[in-house]
Amino acid sequence: MSAHVNPRAVSHSIRIACPPEIVFAQWADVALWHEWDPDTTEASIEGPFVLGAVGKIKSGKGMAVAMQVTELTPTRSFTVVVKLLGSRMAFPHALVQEGDQCVVTHRVEFHGGLA
């Protein structure tokens, strides 16, 4: 495990003994994000989990806000972006296969006034 912090981004990675396809399948089931992301209480998406898809996400600290999938590479990565108060938060997720392990990275990037 590793964590990296700077004023505009926070990143955390773990290694698990699981193929990237299994992790990505969990990511694609947006309604269940609250089961693996402790900062998410609800999430939904209109239609399939594809590039450009829109939905809503709610944290335990706030109200539901609109999100959009802005990057998606099946079995490798995805990013959702949330806009609020003239700022933008991006949530990149990445998978890297290393032998029989999968490195799973979740990053939060702050852009604009909230950075």
PDB file of N, CA and C in Angstrom:
ATOM      1  N   MET A   1       0.826  -1.183   0.000  1.00  0.00           N
ATOM      2  CA  MET A   1       0.000   0.000   0.000  1.00  0.00           C
ATOM      3  C   MET A   1       0.865   1.238   0.000  1.00  0.00           C
ATOM      4  N   SER A   2       0.320   2.268  -0.659  1.00  0.00           N
ATOM      5  CA  SER A   2       1.033   3.533  -0.623  1.00  0.00           C
ATOM      6  C   SER A   2       0.029   4.663  -0.685  1.00  0.00           C
ATOM      7  N   ALA A   3       0.386   5.781  -0.164  1.00  0.00           N
ATOM      8  CA  ALA A   3      -0.457   6.971  -0.239  1.00  0.00           C
ATOM      9  C   ALA A   3       0.433   8.145  -0.592  1.00  0.00           C
ATOM     10  N   HIS A   4      -0.084   9.033  -1.431  1.00  0.00           N
ATOM     11  CA  HIS A   4       0.660  10.213  -1.840  1.00  0.00           C
ATOM     12  C   HIS A   4      -0.283  11.399  -1.687  1.00  0.00           C
ATOM     13  N   VAL A   5       0.195  12.464  -1.060  1.00  0.00           N
ATOM     14  CA  VAL A   5      -0.654  13.629  -0.830  1.00  0.00           C
ATOM     15  C   VAL A   5       0.072  14.875  -1.312  1.00  0.00           C
ATOM     16  N   ASN A   6      -0.638  15.753  -2.023  1.00  0.00           N
ATOM     17  CA  ASN A   6      -0.148  17.090  -2.333  1.00  0.00           C
ATOM     18  C   ASN A   6      -1.353  18.009  -2.301  1.00  0.00           C
ATOM     19  N   PRO A   7      -1.181  19.311  -2.424  1.00  0.00           N
ATOM     20  CA  PRO A   7      -2.317  20.220  -2.261  1.00  0.00           C
ATOM     21  C   PRO A   7      -3.438  20.020  -3.280  1.00  0.00           C
ATOM     22  N   ARG A   8      -3.189  19.372  -4.403  1.00  0.00           N
ATOM     23  CA  ARG A   8      -4.199  19.251  -5.434  1.00  0.00           C
ATOM     24  C   ARG A   8      -4.646  17.825  -5.707  1.00  0.00           C
ATOM     25  N   ALA A   9      -4.046  16.845  -5.077  1.00  0.00           N
ATOM     26  CA  ALA A   9      -4.412  15.458  -5.350  1.00  0.00           C
ATOM     27  C   ALA A   9      -4.085  14.553  -4.168  1.00  0.00           C
ATOM     28  N   VAL A  10      -4.881  13.497  -4.069  1.00  0.00           N
ATOM     29  CA  VAL A  10      -4.641  12.446  -3.092  1.00  0.00           C
ATOM     30  C   VAL A  10      -4.761  11.140  -3.855  1.00  0.00           C
ATOM     31  N   SER A  11      -3.818  10.229  -3.621  1.00  0.00           N
ATOM     32  CA  SER A  11      -3.805   8.959  -4.333  1.00  0.00           C
ATOM     33  C   SER A  11      -3.531   7.831  -3.355  1.00  0.00           C
ATOM     34  N   HIS A  12      -4.194   6.704  -3.568  1.00  0.00           N
ATOM     35  CA  HIS A  12      -3.970   5.535  -2.721  1.00  0.00           C
ATOM     36  C   HIS A  12      -3.997   4.288  -3.589  1.00  0.00           C
ATOM     37  N   SER A  13      -3.061   3.380  -3.346  1.00  0.00           N
ATOM     38  CA  SER A  13      -2.986   2.136  -4.109  1.00  0.00           C
ATOM     39  C   SER A  13      -2.939   0.943  -3.169  1.00  0.00           C
ATOM     40  N   ILE A  14      -3.520  -0.168  -3.626  1.00  0.00           N
ATOM     41  CA  ILE A  14      -3.430  -1.440  -2.920  1.00  0.00           C
ATOM     42  C   ILE A  14      -3.100  -2.520  -3.933  1.00  0.00           C
ATOM     43  N   ARG A  15      -2.554  -3.621  -3.446  1.00  0.00           N
ATOM     44  CA  ARG A  15      -2.293  -4.802  -4.277  1.00  0.00           C
ATOM     45  C   ARG A  15      -3.258  -5.890  -3.842  1.00  0.00           C
ATOM     46  N   ILE A  16      -3.876  -6.531  -4.825  1.00  0.00           N
ATOM     47  CA  ILE A  16      -4.764  -7.640  -4.504  1.00  0.00           C
ATOM     48  C   ILE A  16      -4.491  -8.794  -5.459  1.00  0.00           C
ATOM     49  N   ALA A  17      -4.765 -10.005  -5.006  1.00  0.00           N
ATOM     50  CA  ALA A  17      -4.580 -11.199  -5.832  1.00  0.00           C
ATOM     51  C   ALA A  17      -5.879 -11.456  -6.585  1.00  0.00           C
ATOM     52  N   CYS A  18      -6.060 -10.698  -7.648  1.00  0.00           N
ATOM     53  CA  CYS A  18      -7.304 -10.747  -8.405  1.00  0.00           C
ATOM     54  C   CYS A  18      -7.032 -10.189  -9.799  1.00  0.00           C
ATOM     55  N   PRO A  19      -7.614 -10.769 -10.836  1.00  0.00           N
ATOM     56  CA  PRO A  19      -7.401 -10.210 -12.173  1.00  0.00           C
ATOM     57  C   PRO A  19      -8.103  -8.850 -12.338  1.00  0.00           C
ATOM     58  N   PRO A  20      -7.541  -7.970 -13.147  1.00  0.00           N
ATOM     59  CA  PRO A  20      -8.154  -6.649 -13.365  1.00  0.00           C
ATOM     60  C   PRO A  20      -9.597  -6.735 -13.859  1.00  0.00           C
ATOM     61  N   GLU A  21      -9.935  -7.755 -14.611  1.00  0.00           N
ATOM     62  CA  GLU A  21     -11.299  -7.881 -15.142  1.00  0.00           C
ATOM     63  C   GLU A  21     -12.334  -7.971 -14.026  1.00  0.00           C
ATOM     64  N   ILE A  22     -11.982  -8.628 -12.932  1.00  0.00           N
ATOM     65  CA  ILE A  22     -12.919  -8.767 -11.812  1.00  0.00           C
ATOM     66  C   ILE A  22     -13.115  -7.425 -11.122  1.00  0.00           C
ATOM     67  N   VAL A  23     -12.021  -6.695 -10.906  1.00  0.00           N
ATOM     68  CA  VAL A  23     -12.126  -5.373 -10.271  1.00  0.00           C
ATOM     69  C   VAL A  23     -12.917  -4.432 -11.175  1.00  0.00           C
ATOM     70  N   PHE A  24     -12.619  -4.448 -12.471  1.00  0.00           N
ATOM     71  CA  PHE A  24     -13.316  -3.540 -13.381  1.00  0.00           C
ATOM     72  C   PHE A  24     -14.815  -3.833 -13.410  1.00  0.00           C
ATOM     73  N   ALA A  25     -15.195  -5.103 -13.320  1.00  0.00           N
ATOM     74  CA  ALA A  25     -16.618  -5.462 -13.285  1.00  0.00           C
ATOM     75  C   ALA A  25     -17.294  -4.843 -12.063  1.00  0.00           C
ATOM     76  N   GLN A  26     -16.575  -4.777 -10.928  1.00  0.00           N
ATOM     77  CA  GLN A  26     -17.119  -4.120  -9.739  1.00  0.00           C
ATOM     78  C   GLN A  26     -17.267  -2.619  -9.967  1.00  0.00           C
ATOM     79  N   TRP A  27     -16.274  -2.030 -10.605  1.00  0.00           N
ATOM     80  CA  TRP A  27     -16.346  -0.602 -10.906  1.00  0.00           C
ATOM     81  C   TRP A  27     -17.517  -0.288 -11.816  1.00  0.00           C
ATOM     82  N   ALA A  28     -17.785  -1.142 -12.784  1.00  0.00           N
ATOM     83  CA  ALA A  28     -18.847  -0.902 -13.764  1.00  0.00           C
ATOM     84  C   ALA A  28     -20.241  -1.001 -13.145  1.00  0.00           C
ATOM     85  N   ASP A  29     -20.359  -1.602 -11.968  1.00  0.00           N
ATOM     86  CA  ASP A  29     -21.647  -1.708 -11.273  1.00  0.00           C
ATOM     87  C   ASP A  29     -21.786  -0.507 -10.347  1.00  0.00           C
ATOM     88  N   VAL A  30     -22.115   0.631 -10.926  1.00  0.00           N
ATOM     89  CA  VAL A  30     -22.102   1.917 -10.226  1.00  0.00           C
ATOM     90  C   VAL A  30     -22.993   1.927  -8.987  1.00  0.00           C
ATOM     91  N   ALA A  31     -24.129   1.265  -9.039  1.00  0.00           N
ATOM     92  CA  ALA A  31     -25.049   1.254  -7.893  1.00  0.00           C
ATOM     93  C   ALA A  31     -24.425   0.628  -6.646  1.00  0.00           C
ATOM     94  N   LEU A  32     -23.342  -0.139  -6.817  1.00  0.00           N
ATOM     95  CA  LEU A  32     -22.693  -0.785  -5.677  1.00  0.00           C
ATOM     96  C   LEU A  32     -21.389  -0.108  -5.258  1.00  0.00           C
ATOM     97  N   TRP A  33     -21.092   1.087  -5.776  1.00  0.00           N
ATOM     98  CA  TRP A  33     -19.860   1.781  -5.402  1.00  0.00           C
ATOM     99  C   TRP A  33     -19.745   1.965  -3.898  1.00  0.00           C
ATOM    100  N   HIS A  34     -20.871   2.163  -3.223  1.00  0.00           N
ATOM    101  CA  HIS A  34     -20.830   2.375  -1.768  1.00  0.00           C
ATOM    102  C   HIS A  34     -20.261   1.165  -1.024  1.00  0.00           C
ATOM    103  N   GLU A  35     -20.231  -0.013  -1.660  1.00  0.00           N
ATOM    104  CA  GLU A  35     -19.700  -1.208  -1.005  1.00  0.00           C
ATOM    105  C   GLU A  35     -18.170  -1.222  -0.949  1.00  0.00           C
ATOM    106  N   TRP A  36     -17.496  -0.545  -1.876  1.00  0.00           N
ATOM    107  CA  TRP A  36     -16.031  -0.539  -1.867  1.00  0.00           C
ATOM    108  C   TRP A  36     -15.429   0.846  -1.658  1.00  0.00           C
ATOM    109  N   ASP A  37     -16.248   1.904  -1.753  1.00  0.00           N
ATOM    110  CA  ASP A  37     -15.748   3.264  -1.540  1.00  0.00           C
ATOM    111  C   ASP A  37     -16.404   3.837  -0.290  1.00  0.00           C
ATOM    112  N   PRO A  38     -15.674   3.910   0.824  1.00  0.00           N
ATOM    113  CA  PRO A  38     -16.277   4.370   2.079  1.00  0.00           C
ATOM    114  C   PRO A  38     -16.742   5.824   2.056  1.00  0.00           C
ATOM    115  N   ASP A  39     -16.306   6.623   1.079  1.00  0.00           N
ATOM    116  CA  ASP A  39     -16.744   8.012   0.975  1.00  0.00           C
ATOM    117  C   ASP A  39     -18.000   8.175   0.129  1.00  0.00           C
ATOM    118  N   THR A  40     -18.483   7.100  -0.456  1.00  0.00           N
ATOM    119  CA  THR A  40     -19.681   7.150  -1.299  1.00  0.00           C
ATOM    120  C   THR A  40     -20.830   6.457  -0.582  1.00  0.00           C
ATOM    121  N   THR A  41     -21.970   7.170  -0.462  1.00  0.00           N
ATOM    122  CA  THR A  41     -23.151   6.548   0.140  1.00  0.00           C
ATOM    123  C   THR A  41     -24.144   6.109  -0.927  1.00  0.00           C
ATOM    124  N   GLU A  42     -24.134   6.761  -2.085  1.00  0.00           N
ATOM    125  CA  GLU A  42     -25.003   6.393  -3.196  1.00  0.00           C
ATOM    126  C   GLU A  42     -24.345   6.803  -4.506  1.00  0.00           C
ATOM    127  N   ALA A  43     -24.618   6.031  -5.543  1.00  0.00           N
ATOM    128  CA  ALA A  43     -24.166   6.395  -6.887  1.00  0.00           C
ATOM    129  C   ALA A  43     -25.121   5.760  -7.888  1.00  0.00           C
ATOM    130  N   SER A  44     -25.348   6.464  -8.975  1.00  0.00           N
ATOM    131  CA  SER A  44     -26.201   5.930 -10.041  1.00  0.00           C
ATOM    132  C   SER A  44     -25.719   6.481 -11.373  1.00  0.00           C
ATOM    133  N   ILE A  45     -26.080   5.785 -12.425  1.00  0.00           N
ATOM    134  CA  ILE A  45     -25.681   6.195 -13.763  1.00  0.00           C
ATOM    135  C   ILE A  45     -26.843   5.935 -14.708  1.00  0.00           C
ATOM    136  N   GLU A  46     -26.988   6.805 -15.685  1.00  0.00           N
ATOM    137  CA  GLU A  46     -28.051   6.655 -16.683  1.00  0.00           C
ATOM    138  C   GLU A  46     -27.525   5.770 -17.805  1.00  0.00           C
ATOM    139  N   GLY A  47     -28.024   4.546 -17.892  1.00  0.00           N
ATOM    140  CA  GLY A  47     -27.578   3.643 -18.946  1.00  0.00           C
ATOM    141  C   GLY A  47     -26.333   2.884 -18.557  1.00  0.00           C
ATOM    142  N   PRO A  48     -25.624   2.369 -19.569  1.00  0.00           N
ATOM    143  CA  PRO A  48     -24.427   1.555 -19.285  1.00  0.00           C
ATOM    144  C   PRO A  48     -23.229   2.401 -18.870  1.00  0.00           C
ATOM    145  N   PHE A  49     -22.255   1.738 -18.271  1.00  0.00           N
ATOM    146  CA  PHE A  49     -21.012   2.349 -17.817  1.00  0.00           C
ATOM    147  C   PHE A  49     -20.092   2.490 -19.033  1.00  0.00           C
ATOM    148  N   VAL A  50     -20.213   3.636 -19.711  1.00  0.00           N
ATOM    149  CA  VAL A  50     -19.448   3.904 -20.935  1.00  0.00           C
ATOM    150  C   VAL A  50     -18.913   5.332 -20.884  1.00  0.00           C
ATOM    151  N   LEU A  51     -17.955   5.620 -21.748  1.00  0.00           N
ATOM    152  CA  LEU A  51     -17.412   6.974 -21.861  1.00  0.00           C
ATOM    153  C   LEU A  51     -18.545   7.953 -22.142  1.00  0.00           C
ATOM    154  N   GLY A  52     -18.600   9.036 -21.380  1.00  0.00           N
ATOM    155  CA  GLY A  52     -19.621  10.057 -21.563  1.00  0.00           C
ATOM    156  C   GLY A  52     -20.864   9.850 -20.727  1.00  0.00           C
ATOM    157  N   ALA A  53     -21.015   8.690 -20.095  1.00  0.00           N
ATOM    158  CA  ALA A  53     -22.194   8.423 -19.271  1.00  0.00           C
ATOM    159  C   ALA A  53     -22.290   9.445 -18.140  1.00  0.00           C
ATOM    160  N   VAL A  54     -23.517   9.766 -17.761  1.00  0.00           N
ATOM    161  CA  VAL A  54     -23.752  10.713 -16.674  1.00  0.00           C
ATOM    162  C   VAL A  54     -24.561  10.041 -15.580  1.00  0.00           C
ATOM    163  N   GLY A  55     -24.419  10.575 -14.380  1.00  0.00           N
ATOM    164  CA  GLY A  55     -25.146  10.037 -13.243  1.00  0.00           C
ATOM    165  C   GLY A  55     -25.010  10.965 -12.065  1.00  0.00           C
ATOM    166  N   LYS A  56     -25.228  10.402 -10.879  1.00  0.00           N
ATOM    167  CA  LYS A  56     -25.124  11.177  -9.636  1.00  0.00           C
ATOM    168  C   LYS A  56     -24.326  10.378  -8.620  1.00  0.00           C
ATOM    169  N   ILE A  57     -23.649  11.110  -7.759  1.00  0.00           N
ATOM    170  CA  ILE A  57     -22.888  10.484  -6.678  1.00  0.00           C
ATOM    171  C   ILE A  57     -23.120  11.303  -5.413  1.00  0.00           C
ATOM    172  N   LYS A  58     -23.228  10.598  -4.299  1.00  0.00           N
ATOM    173  CA  LYS A  58     -23.449  11.263  -3.014  1.00  0.00           C
ATOM    174  C   LYS A  58     -22.436  10.742  -2.010  1.00  0.00           C
ATOM    175  N   SER A  59     -21.798  11.679  -1.326  1.00  0.00           N
ATOM    176  CA  SER A  59     -20.879  11.302  -0.252  1.00  0.00           C
ATOM    177  C   SER A  59     -21.623  11.407   1.072  1.00  0.00           C
ATOM    178  N   GLY A  60     -21.045  10.844   2.104  1.00  0.00           N
ATOM    179  CA  GLY A  60     -21.643  10.944   3.423  1.00  0.00           C
ATOM    180  C   GLY A  60     -21.617  12.350   3.972  1.00  0.00           C
ATOM    181  N   LYS A  61     -20.842  13.222   3.332  1.00  0.00           N
ATOM    182  CA  LYS A  61     -20.685  14.595   3.810  1.00  0.00           C
ATOM    183  C   LYS A  61     -21.512  15.607   3.034  1.00  0.00           C
ATOM    184  N   GLY A  62     -22.281  15.168   2.043  1.00  0.00           N
ATOM    185  CA  GLY A  62     -22.983  16.164   1.243  1.00  0.00           C
ATOM    186  C   GLY A  62     -24.174  15.620   0.496  1.00  0.00           C
ATOM    187  N   MET A  63     -24.627  16.439  -0.429  1.00  0.00           N
ATOM    188  CA  MET A  63     -25.780  16.054  -1.231  1.00  0.00           C
ATOM    189  C   MET A  63     -25.316  15.383  -2.524  1.00  0.00           C
ATOM    190  N   ALA A  64     -26.254  14.784  -3.226  1.00  0.00           N
ATOM    191  CA  ALA A  64     -25.938  14.143  -4.496  1.00  0.00           C
ATOM    192  C   ALA A  64     -25.563  15.215  -5.519  1.00  0.00           C
ATOM    193  N   VAL A  65     -24.499  14.951  -6.279  1.00  0.00           N
ATOM    194  CA  VAL A  65     -24.059  15.875  -7.321  1.00  0.00           C
ATOM    195  C   VAL A  65     -23.914  15.099  -8.628  1.00  0.00           C
ATOM    196  N   ALA A  66     -24.013  15.831  -9.729  1.00  0.00           N
ATOM    197  CA  ALA A  66     -23.887  15.215 -11.053  1.00  0.00           C
ATOM    198  C   ALA A  66     -22.444  14.788 -11.291  1.00  0.00           C
ATOM    199  N   MET A  67     -22.288  13.664 -11.994  1.00  0.00           N
ATOM    200  CA  MET A  67     -20.956  13.197 -12.375  1.00  0.00           C
ATOM    201  C   MET A  67     -21.007  12.750 -13.830  1.00  0.00           C
ATOM    202  N   GLN A  68     -19.823  12.710 -14.457  1.00  0.00           N
ATOM    203  CA  GLN A  68     -19.719  12.225 -15.828  1.00  0.00           C
ATOM    204  C   GLN A  68     -18.458  11.374 -15.967  1.00  0.00           C
ATOM    205  N   VAL A  69     -18.586  10.273 -16.718  1.00  0.00           N
ATOM    206  CA  VAL A  69     -17.430   9.428 -17.016  1.00  0.00           C
ATOM    207  C   VAL A  69     -16.662  10.116 -18.144  1.00  0.00           C
ATOM    208  N   THR A  70     -15.454  10.587 -17.854  1.00  0.00           N
ATOM    209  CA  THR A  70     -14.675  11.351 -18.831  1.00  0.00           C
ATOM    210  C   THR A  70     -13.531  10.557 -19.443  1.00  0.00           C
ATOM    211  N   GLU A  71     -13.238   9.398 -18.884  1.00  0.00           N
ATOM    212  CA  GLU A  71     -12.207   8.503 -19.436  1.00  0.00           C
ATOM    213  C   GLU A  71     -12.606   7.097 -19.052  1.00  0.00           C
ATOM    214  N   LEU A  72     -12.479   6.168 -19.991  1.00  0.00           N
ATOM    215  CA  LEU A  72     -12.798   4.782 -19.697  1.00  0.00           C
ATOM    216  C   LEU A  72     -12.032   3.871 -20.651  1.00  0.00           C
ATOM    217  N   THR A  73     -11.219   3.010 -20.089  1.00  0.00           N
ATOM    218  CA  THR A  73     -10.508   1.976 -20.840  1.00  0.00           C
ATOM    219  C   THR A  73     -10.850   0.654 -20.161  1.00  0.00           C
ATOM    220  N   PRO A  74     -11.735  -0.148 -20.766  1.00  0.00           N
ATOM    221  CA  PRO A  74     -12.187  -1.378 -20.112  1.00  0.00           C
ATOM    222  C   PRO A  74     -11.033  -2.226 -19.581  1.00  0.00           C
ATOM    223  N   THR A  75     -11.218  -2.731 -18.397  1.00  0.00           N
ATOM    224  CA  THR A  75     -10.294  -3.553 -17.600  1.00  0.00           C
ATOM    225  C   THR A  75      -9.017  -2.821 -17.190  1.00  0.00           C
ATOM    226  N   ARG A  76      -8.913  -1.513 -17.449  1.00  0.00           N
ATOM    227  CA  ARG A  76      -7.690  -0.784 -17.089  1.00  0.00           C
ATOM    228  C   ARG A  76      -7.932   0.480 -16.274  1.00  0.00           C
ATOM    229  N   SER A  77      -8.928   1.310 -16.657  1.00  0.00           N
ATOM    230  CA  SER A  77      -9.090   2.580 -15.951  1.00  0.00           C
ATOM    231  C   SER A  77     -10.427   3.238 -16.264  1.00  0.00           C
ATOM    232  N   PHE A  78     -10.796   4.171 -15.386  1.00  0.00           N
ATOM    233  CA  PHE A  78     -11.909   5.075 -15.651  1.00  0.00           C
ATOM    234  C   PHE A  78     -11.731   6.311 -14.781  1.00  0.00           C
ATOM    235  N   THR A  79     -12.340   7.398 -15.215  1.00  0.00           N
ATOM    236  CA  THR A  79     -12.336   8.648 -14.449  1.00  0.00           C
ATOM    237  C   THR A  79     -13.739   9.230 -14.483  1.00  0.00           C
ATOM    238  N   VAL A  80     -14.217   9.677 -13.332  1.00  0.00           N
ATOM    239  CA  VAL A  80     -15.449  10.461 -13.283  1.00  0.00           C
ATOM    240  C   VAL A  80     -15.093  11.851 -12.795  1.00  0.00           C
ATOM    241  N   VAL A  81     -15.857  12.839 -13.280  1.00  0.00           N
ATOM    242  CA  VAL A  81     -15.642  14.234 -12.904  1.00  0.00           C
ATOM    243  C   VAL A  81     -16.926  14.777 -12.305  1.00  0.00           C
ATOM    244  N   VAL A  82     -16.761  15.541 -11.224  1.00  0.00           N
ATOM    245  CA  VAL A  82     -17.847  16.219 -10.537  1.00  0.00           C
ATOM    246  C   VAL A  82     -17.513  17.700 -10.540  1.00  0.00           C
ATOM    247  N   LYS A  83     -18.496  18.529 -10.898  1.00  0.00           N
ATOM    248  CA  LYS A  83     -18.297  19.977 -10.875  1.00  0.00           C
ATOM    249  C   LYS A  83     -19.101  20.563  -9.733  1.00  0.00           C
ATOM    250  N   LEU A  84     -18.442  21.426  -8.924  1.00  0.00           N
ATOM    251  CA  LEU A  84     -19.148  22.133  -7.869  1.00  0.00           C
ATOM    252  C   LEU A  84     -18.458  23.432  -7.510  1.00  0.00           C
ATOM    253  N   LEU A  85     -19.272  24.426  -7.260  1.00  0.00           N
ATOM    254  CA  LEU A  85     -18.797  25.741  -6.822  1.00  0.00           C
ATOM    255  C   LEU A  85     -17.691  26.308  -7.708  1.00  0.00           C
ATOM    256  N   GLY A  86     -17.829  26.200  -9.014  1.00  0.00           N
ATOM    257  CA  GLY A  86     -16.836  26.717  -9.934  1.00  0.00           C
ATOM    258  C   GLY A  86     -15.553  25.917  -9.969  1.00  0.00           C
ATOM    259  N   SER A  87     -15.545  24.772  -9.326  1.00  0.00           N
ATOM    260  CA  SER A  87     -14.373  23.906  -9.286  1.00  0.00           C
ATOM    261  C   SER A  87     -14.726  22.547  -9.886  1.00  0.00           C
ATOM    262  N   ARG A  88     -13.712  21.711  -9.995  1.00  0.00           N
ATOM    263  CA  ARG A  88     -13.896  20.379 -10.565  1.00  0.00           C
ATOM    264  C   ARG A  88     -13.092  19.385  -9.746  1.00  0.00           C
ATOM    265  N   MET A  89     -13.716  18.250  -9.461  1.00  0.00           N
ATOM    266  CA  MET A  89     -13.011  17.151  -8.810  1.00  0.00           C
ATOM    267  C   MET A  89     -13.013  15.983  -9.786  1.00  0.00           C
ATOM    268  N   ALA A  90     -11.840  15.431 -10.038  1.00  0.00           N
ATOM    269  CA  ALA A  90     -11.718  14.269 -10.908  1.00  0.00           C
ATOM    270  C   ALA A  90     -11.329  13.075 -10.043  1.00  0.00           C
ATOM    271  N   PHE A  91     -11.897  11.914 -10.375  1.00  0.00           N
ATOM    272  CA  PHE A  91     -11.645  10.690  -9.624  1.00  0.00           C
ATOM    273  C   PHE A  91     -11.123   9.612 -10.574  1.00  0.00           C
ATOM    274  N   PRO A  92      -9.818   9.638 -10.906  1.00  0.00           N
ATOM    275  CA  PRO A  92      -9.241   8.592 -11.750  1.00  0.00           C
ATOM    276  C   PRO A  92      -9.055   7.290 -10.959  1.00  0.00           C
ATOM    277  N   HIS A  93      -9.332   6.183 -11.605  1.00  0.00           N
ATOM    278  CA  HIS A  93      -9.140   4.844 -11.050  1.00  0.00           C
ATOM    279  C   HIS A  93      -8.315   4.067 -12.060  1.00  0.00           C
ATOM    280  N   ALA A  94      -7.329   3.301 -11.606  1.00  0.00           N
ATOM    281  CA  ALA A  94      -6.462   2.566 -12.536  1.00  0.00           C
ATOM    282  C   ALA A  94      -6.155   1.172 -12.005  1.00  0.00           C
ATOM    283  N   LEU A  95      -5.957   0.253 -12.948  1.00  0.00           N
ATOM    284  CA  LEU A  95      -5.581  -1.125 -12.645  1.00  0.00           C
ATOM    285  C   LEU A  95      -4.324  -1.473 -13.417  1.00  0.00           C
ATOM    286  N   VAL A  96      -3.339  -2.059 -12.735  1.00  0.00           N
ATOM    287  CA  VAL A  96      -2.112  -2.506 -13.391  1.00  0.00           C
ATOM    288  C   VAL A  96      -1.828  -3.925 -12.918  1.00  0.00           C
ATOM    289  N   GLN A  97      -1.747  -4.844 -13.868  1.00  0.00           N
ATOM    290  CA  GLN A  97      -1.415  -6.236 -13.548  1.00  0.00           C
ATOM    291  C   GLN A  97       0.090  -6.355 -13.331  1.00  0.00           C
ATOM    292  N   GLU A  98       0.493  -6.922 -12.195  1.00  0.00           N
ATOM    293  CA  GLU A  98       1.904  -7.180 -11.894  1.00  0.00           C
ATOM    294  C   GLU A  98       2.002  -8.613 -11.404  1.00  0.00           C
ATOM    295  N   GLY A  99       2.355  -9.537 -12.320  1.00  0.00           N
ATOM    296  CA  GLY A  99       2.397 -10.956 -11.979  1.00  0.00           C
ATOM    297  C   GLY A  99       1.006 -11.438 -11.646  1.00  0.00           C
ATOM    298  N   ASP A 100       0.845 -12.089 -10.490  1.00  0.00           N
ATOM    299  CA  ASP A 100      -0.479 -12.562 -10.086  1.00  0.00           C
ATOM    300  C   ASP A 100      -1.208 -11.533  -9.222  1.00  0.00           C
ATOM    301  N   GLN A 101      -0.653 -10.339  -9.122  1.00  0.00           N
ATOM    302  CA  GLN A 101      -1.250  -9.255  -8.342  1.00  0.00           C
ATOM    303  C   GLN A 101      -1.817  -8.169  -9.259  1.00  0.00           C
ATOM    304  N   CYS A 102      -2.790  -7.458  -8.749  1.00  0.00           N
ATOM    305  CA  CYS A 102      -3.354  -6.306  -9.457  1.00  0.00           C
ATOM    306  C   CYS A 102      -3.153  -5.091  -8.550  1.00  0.00           C
ATOM    307  N   VAL A 103      -2.523  -4.056  -9.073  1.00  0.00           N
ATOM    308  CA  VAL A 103      -2.361  -2.806  -8.329  1.00  0.00           C
ATOM    309  C   VAL A 103      -3.570  -1.933  -8.667  1.00  0.00           C
ATOM    310  N   VAL A 104      -4.339  -1.610  -7.652  1.00  0.00           N
ATOM    311  CA  VAL A 104      -5.560  -0.815  -7.800  1.00  0.00           C
ATOM    312  C   VAL A 104      -5.277   0.565  -7.217  1.00  0.00           C
ATOM    313  N   THR A 105      -5.429   1.605  -8.033  1.00  0.00           N
ATOM    314  CA  THR A 105      -5.156   2.977  -7.585  1.00  0.00           C
ATOM    315  C   THR A 105      -6.407   3.828  -7.748  1.00  0.00           C
ATOM    316  N   HIS A 106      -6.733   4.568  -6.698  1.00  0.00           N
ATOM    317  CA  HIS A 106      -7.853   5.513  -6.687  1.00  0.00           C
ATOM    318  C   HIS A 106      -7.251   6.875  -6.358  1.00  0.00           C
ATOM    319  N   ARG A 107      -7.545   7.852  -7.192  1.00  0.00           N
ATOM    320  CA  ARG A 107      -6.955   9.178  -7.048  1.00  0.00           C
ATOM    321  C   ARG A 107      -8.085  10.208  -7.012  1.00  0.00           C
ATOM    322  N   VAL A 108      -7.891  11.276  -6.284  1.00  0.00           N
ATOM    323  CA  VAL A 108      -8.812  12.409  -6.262  1.00  0.00           C
ATOM    324  C   VAL A 108      -7.984  13.636  -6.626  1.00  0.00           C
ATOM    325  N   GLU A 109      -8.416  14.362  -7.652  1.00  0.00           N
ATOM    326  CA  GLU A 109      -7.720  15.572  -8.092  1.00  0.00           C
ATOM    327  C   GLU A 109      -8.648  16.764  -7.966  1.00  0.00           C
ATOM    328  N   PHE A 110      -8.134  17.853  -7.428  1.00  0.00           N
ATOM    329  CA  PHE A 110      -8.901  19.076  -7.216  1.00  0.00           C
ATOM    330  C   PHE A 110      -8.426  20.133  -8.198  1.00  0.00           C
ATOM    331  N   HIS A 111      -9.365  20.732  -8.913  1.00  0.00           N
ATOM    332  CA  HIS A 111      -9.054  21.766  -9.898  1.00  0.00           C
ATOM    333  C   HIS A 111      -9.930  22.993  -9.636  1.00  0.00           C
ATOM    334  N   GLY A 112      -9.380  24.163  -9.810  1.00  0.00           N
ATOM    335  CA  GLY A 112     -10.159  25.387  -9.622  1.00  0.00           C
ATOM    336  C   GLY A 112     -10.054  25.916  -8.206  1.00  0.00           C
ATOM    337  N   GLY A 113     -11.062  26.652  -7.783  1.00  0.00           N
ATOM    338  CA  GLY A 113     -11.050  27.325  -6.492  1.00  0.00           C
ATOM    339  C   GLY A 113     -10.903  26.422  -5.294  1.00  0.00           C
ATOM    340  N   LEU A 114     -11.393  25.177  -5.372  1.00  0.00           N
ATOM    341  CA  LEU A 114     -11.278  24.256  -4.237  1.00  0.00           C
ATOM    342  C   LEU A 114      -9.898  23.624  -4.104  1.00  0.00           C
ATOM    343  N   ALA A 115      -9.066  23.791  -5.144  1.00  0.00           N
ATOM    344  CA  ALA A 115      -7.742  23.166  -5.094  1.00  0.00           C
ATOM    345  C   ALA A 115      -6.926  23.777  -3.976  1.00  0.00           C
TER     346      ALA A 115
END
